[in-house]
């Protein structure tokens, strides 16, 4: 899980210039990181490109924190390799 969290933290830095010292599974994307809706979508697009996955709209609506995003990435990566 930490690998995914580190990857997300790097994407936040590279794509959105958000430098936060610690991102944990409990980090709320909108409240803690203060991401606007467009920034969240931009992050999700970067996640899709990095892990070569496709996140559908219904899943986007369920993502509030890093743990949920990581779980979705893991699930999607696993399904893609099956």
N, C-alpha and C. Protein backbone atom coordinates (compact mmCIF):
# COMPACT_ATOMS: atom_id res chain seq x y z
N UNK A 1 0.82 -1.19 0.00
CA UNK A 1 0.00 0.00 0.00
C UNK A 1 0.87 1.26 0.00
N UNK A 2 1.98 1.20 0.73
CA UNK A 2 2.83 2.38 0.84
C UNK A 2 3.39 2.78 -0.53
N UNK A 3 3.65 1.80 -1.41
CA UNK A 3 4.14 2.12 -2.74
C UNK A 3 3.14 2.97 -3.50
N UNK A 4 1.86 2.61 -3.41
CA UNK A 4 0.82 3.39 -4.07
C UNK A 4 0.71 4.79 -3.45
N UNK A 5 0.79 4.86 -2.12
CA UNK A 5 0.69 6.15 -1.43
C UNK A 5 1.86 7.04 -1.86
N UNK A 6 3.06 6.47 -1.93
CA UNK A 6 4.22 7.24 -2.37
C UNK A 6 4.05 7.71 -3.81
N UNK A 7 3.51 6.85 -4.65
CA UNK A 7 3.25 7.22 -6.04
C UNK A 7 2.26 8.36 -6.15
N UNK A 8 1.22 8.31 -5.33
CA UNK A 8 0.21 9.38 -5.33
C UNK A 8 0.83 10.68 -4.82
N UNK A 9 1.68 10.58 -3.80
CA UNK A 9 2.33 11.77 -3.28
C UNK A 9 3.23 12.41 -4.35
N UNK A 10 3.94 11.59 -5.11
CA UNK A 10 4.79 12.12 -6.18
C UNK A 10 3.95 12.78 -7.27
N UNK A 11 2.81 12.19 -7.60
CA UNK A 11 1.92 12.79 -8.59
C UNK A 11 1.39 14.13 -8.11
N UNK A 12 1.05 14.22 -6.84
CA UNK A 12 0.58 15.50 -6.28
C UNK A 12 1.66 16.57 -6.42
N UNK A 13 2.90 16.18 -6.19
CA UNK A 13 4.00 17.13 -6.30
C UNK A 13 4.26 17.52 -7.76
N UNK A 14 4.32 16.53 -8.63
CA UNK A 14 4.67 16.78 -10.03
C UNK A 14 3.56 17.47 -10.80
N UNK A 15 2.34 17.05 -10.61
CA UNK A 15 1.24 17.55 -11.43
C UNK A 15 0.52 18.76 -10.84
N UNK A 16 0.45 18.83 -9.50
CA UNK A 16 -0.34 19.90 -8.88
C UNK A 16 0.48 20.81 -7.96
N UNK A 17 1.80 20.56 -7.88
CA UNK A 17 2.67 21.35 -7.00
C UNK A 17 2.18 21.38 -5.56
N UNK A 18 1.71 20.25 -5.09
CA UNK A 18 1.26 20.13 -3.70
C UNK A 18 2.32 19.34 -2.95
N UNK A 19 2.98 20.05 -2.06
CA UNK A 19 4.06 19.45 -1.27
C UNK A 19 3.60 19.38 0.18
N UNK A 20 3.22 18.20 0.58
CA UNK A 20 2.81 17.99 1.95
C UNK A 20 3.78 16.98 2.55
N UNK A 21 4.24 17.21 3.77
CA UNK A 21 5.27 16.33 4.33
C UNK A 21 4.83 14.88 4.50
N UNK A 22 3.57 14.68 4.84
CA UNK A 22 3.10 13.31 5.09
C UNK A 22 1.72 13.12 4.47
N UNK A 23 1.64 12.07 3.67
CA UNK A 23 0.33 11.65 3.17
C UNK A 23 0.13 10.23 3.67
N UNK A 24 -0.98 10.02 4.35
CA UNK A 24 -1.28 8.69 4.88
C UNK A 24 -2.56 8.19 4.21
N UNK A 25 -2.94 6.98 4.55
CA UNK A 25 -4.16 6.40 4.01
C UNK A 25 -5.39 7.22 4.42
N UNK A 26 -5.31 7.89 5.55
CA UNK A 26 -6.45 8.64 6.05
C UNK A 26 -6.53 10.07 5.50
N UNK A 27 -5.53 10.48 4.74
CA UNK A 27 -5.52 11.85 4.20
C UNK A 27 -6.72 12.06 3.29
N UNK A 28 -7.54 13.04 3.63
CA UNK A 28 -8.71 13.37 2.82
C UNK A 28 -8.26 14.28 1.68
N UNK A 29 -8.62 13.90 0.47
CA UNK A 29 -8.13 14.62 -0.71
C UNK A 29 -8.68 16.04 -0.79
N UNK A 30 -9.93 16.23 -0.41
CA UNK A 30 -10.52 17.56 -0.51
C UNK A 30 -10.32 18.39 0.76
N UNK A 31 -10.49 17.78 1.92
CA UNK A 31 -10.39 18.53 3.17
C UNK A 31 -8.95 18.78 3.59
N UNK A 32 -8.14 17.72 3.61
CA UNK A 32 -6.76 17.87 4.09
C UNK A 32 -5.86 18.52 3.04
N UNK A 33 -6.01 18.11 1.78
CA UNK A 33 -5.16 18.64 0.73
C UNK A 33 -5.78 19.84 0.02
N UNK A 34 -7.05 20.09 0.34
CA UNK A 34 -7.79 21.23 -0.23
C UNK A 34 -7.82 21.19 -1.76
N UNK A 35 -8.05 19.98 -2.31
CA UNK A 35 -8.14 19.84 -3.76
C UNK A 35 -9.51 20.30 -4.24
N UNK A 36 -9.51 21.12 -5.26
CA UNK A 36 -10.76 21.50 -5.94
C UNK A 36 -11.19 20.31 -6.80
N UNK A 37 -12.42 20.34 -7.25
CA UNK A 37 -12.92 19.23 -8.07
C UNK A 37 -12.05 18.99 -9.30
N UNK A 38 -11.64 20.07 -9.98
CA UNK A 38 -10.83 19.90 -11.18
C UNK A 38 -9.46 19.33 -10.84
N UNK A 39 -8.92 19.67 -9.67
CA UNK A 39 -7.62 19.14 -9.26
C UNK A 39 -7.72 17.65 -8.96
N UNK A 40 -8.82 17.24 -8.35
CA UNK A 40 -9.04 15.83 -8.08
C UNK A 40 -9.12 15.05 -9.39
N UNK A 41 -9.85 15.58 -10.34
CA UNK A 41 -9.95 14.92 -11.65
C UNK A 41 -8.60 14.87 -12.35
N UNK A 42 -7.83 15.92 -12.23
CA UNK A 42 -6.49 15.96 -12.82
C UNK A 42 -5.60 14.90 -12.18
N UNK A 43 -5.69 14.78 -10.85
CA UNK A 43 -4.94 13.76 -10.14
C UNK A 43 -5.36 12.36 -10.59
N UNK A 44 -6.66 12.14 -10.70
CA UNK A 44 -7.14 10.82 -11.13
C UNK A 44 -6.69 10.50 -12.55
N UNK A 45 -6.64 11.51 -13.40
CA UNK A 45 -6.13 11.31 -14.76
C UNK A 45 -4.66 10.91 -14.72
N UNK A 46 -3.89 11.54 -13.87
CA UNK A 46 -2.47 11.20 -13.73
C UNK A 46 -2.31 9.79 -13.16
N UNK A 47 -3.17 9.40 -12.23
CA UNK A 47 -3.16 8.05 -11.67
C UNK A 47 -3.45 7.03 -12.77
N UNK A 48 -4.44 7.33 -13.61
CA UNK A 48 -4.77 6.43 -14.72
C UNK A 48 -3.58 6.23 -15.64
N UNK A 49 -2.90 7.31 -15.96
CA UNK A 49 -1.74 7.21 -16.86
C UNK A 49 -0.59 6.46 -16.21
N UNK A 50 -0.33 6.75 -14.93
CA UNK A 50 0.80 6.12 -14.24
C UNK A 50 0.64 4.61 -14.15
N UNK A 51 -0.56 4.16 -13.76
CA UNK A 51 -0.78 2.73 -13.57
C UNK A 51 -1.51 2.09 -14.75
N UNK A 52 -1.71 2.84 -15.82
CA UNK A 52 -2.33 2.35 -17.05
C UNK A 52 -3.66 1.64 -16.76
N UNK A 53 -4.54 2.39 -16.09
CA UNK A 53 -5.86 1.87 -15.75
C UNK A 53 -6.91 2.87 -16.21
N UNK A 54 -8.16 2.49 -16.08
CA UNK A 54 -9.27 3.38 -16.39
C UNK A 54 -10.21 3.40 -15.18
N UNK A 55 -10.42 4.58 -14.64
CA UNK A 55 -11.30 4.74 -13.49
C UNK A 55 -12.63 5.27 -14.00
N UNK A 56 -13.72 4.52 -13.76
CA UNK A 56 -15.01 4.98 -14.28
C UNK A 56 -15.65 6.01 -13.34
N UNK A 57 -16.60 6.73 -13.86
CA UNK A 57 -17.22 7.86 -13.16
C UNK A 57 -17.87 7.45 -11.84
N UNK A 58 -18.50 6.29 -11.81
CA UNK A 58 -19.16 5.87 -10.56
C UNK A 58 -18.13 5.64 -9.45
N UNK A 59 -16.93 5.17 -9.83
CA UNK A 59 -15.88 4.98 -8.83
C UNK A 59 -15.30 6.31 -8.37
N UNK A 60 -15.24 7.28 -9.26
CA UNK A 60 -14.72 8.61 -8.91
C UNK A 60 -15.53 9.21 -7.77
N UNK A 61 -16.81 9.01 -7.79
CA UNK A 61 -17.70 9.60 -6.79
C UNK A 61 -17.52 8.98 -5.41
N UNK A 62 -16.86 7.83 -5.32
CA UNK A 62 -16.67 7.15 -4.04
C UNK A 62 -15.33 7.48 -3.40
N UNK A 63 -14.49 8.25 -4.06
CA UNK A 63 -13.14 8.52 -3.57
C UNK A 63 -13.13 9.80 -2.73
N UNK A 64 -12.82 9.64 -1.46
CA UNK A 64 -12.69 10.78 -0.57
C UNK A 64 -11.27 10.91 -0.01
N UNK A 65 -10.64 9.75 0.26
CA UNK A 65 -9.32 9.79 0.87
C UNK A 65 -8.33 8.90 0.12
N UNK A 66 -7.10 8.95 0.54
CA UNK A 66 -6.03 8.21 -0.14
C UNK A 66 -6.28 6.71 -0.06
N UNK A 67 -6.78 6.22 1.06
CA UNK A 67 -7.04 4.78 1.22
C UNK A 67 -8.03 4.30 0.17
N UNK A 68 -9.08 5.05 -0.07
CA UNK A 68 -10.08 4.66 -1.07
C UNK A 68 -9.48 4.70 -2.48
N UNK A 69 -8.64 5.69 -2.74
CA UNK A 69 -8.00 5.78 -4.05
C UNK A 69 -7.05 4.60 -4.26
N UNK A 70 -6.26 4.28 -3.26
CA UNK A 70 -5.33 3.16 -3.36
C UNK A 70 -6.09 1.85 -3.55
N UNK A 71 -7.16 1.65 -2.82
CA UNK A 71 -7.97 0.43 -2.96
C UNK A 71 -8.51 0.32 -4.38
N UNK A 72 -8.97 1.43 -4.93
CA UNK A 72 -9.50 1.41 -6.29
C UNK A 72 -8.40 1.11 -7.30
N UNK A 73 -7.23 1.70 -7.12
CA UNK A 73 -6.11 1.44 -8.03
C UNK A 73 -5.71 -0.03 -7.96
N UNK A 74 -5.57 -0.56 -6.74
CA UNK A 74 -5.20 -1.97 -6.57
C UNK A 74 -6.22 -2.89 -7.24
N UNK A 75 -7.49 -2.61 -7.00
CA UNK A 75 -8.57 -3.42 -7.57
C UNK A 75 -8.52 -3.37 -9.10
N UNK A 76 -8.37 -2.19 -9.64
CA UNK A 76 -8.37 -2.02 -11.09
C UNK A 76 -7.13 -2.66 -11.72
N UNK A 77 -5.98 -2.50 -11.09
CA UNK A 77 -4.74 -3.11 -11.60
C UNK A 77 -4.88 -4.63 -11.58
N UNK A 78 -5.41 -5.17 -10.48
CA UNK A 78 -5.58 -6.61 -10.36
C UNK A 78 -6.55 -7.15 -11.42
N UNK A 79 -7.66 -6.45 -11.62
CA UNK A 79 -8.64 -6.89 -12.62
C UNK A 79 -8.05 -6.82 -14.02
N UNK A 80 -7.21 -5.83 -14.26
CA UNK A 80 -6.60 -5.68 -15.59
C UNK A 80 -5.63 -6.77 -15.91
N UNK A 81 -4.99 -7.35 -14.87
CA UNK A 81 -4.00 -8.40 -15.08
C UNK A 81 -4.63 -9.78 -15.09
N UNK A 82 -5.88 -9.88 -14.64
CA UNK A 82 -6.53 -11.20 -14.54
C UNK A 82 -6.90 -11.73 -15.91
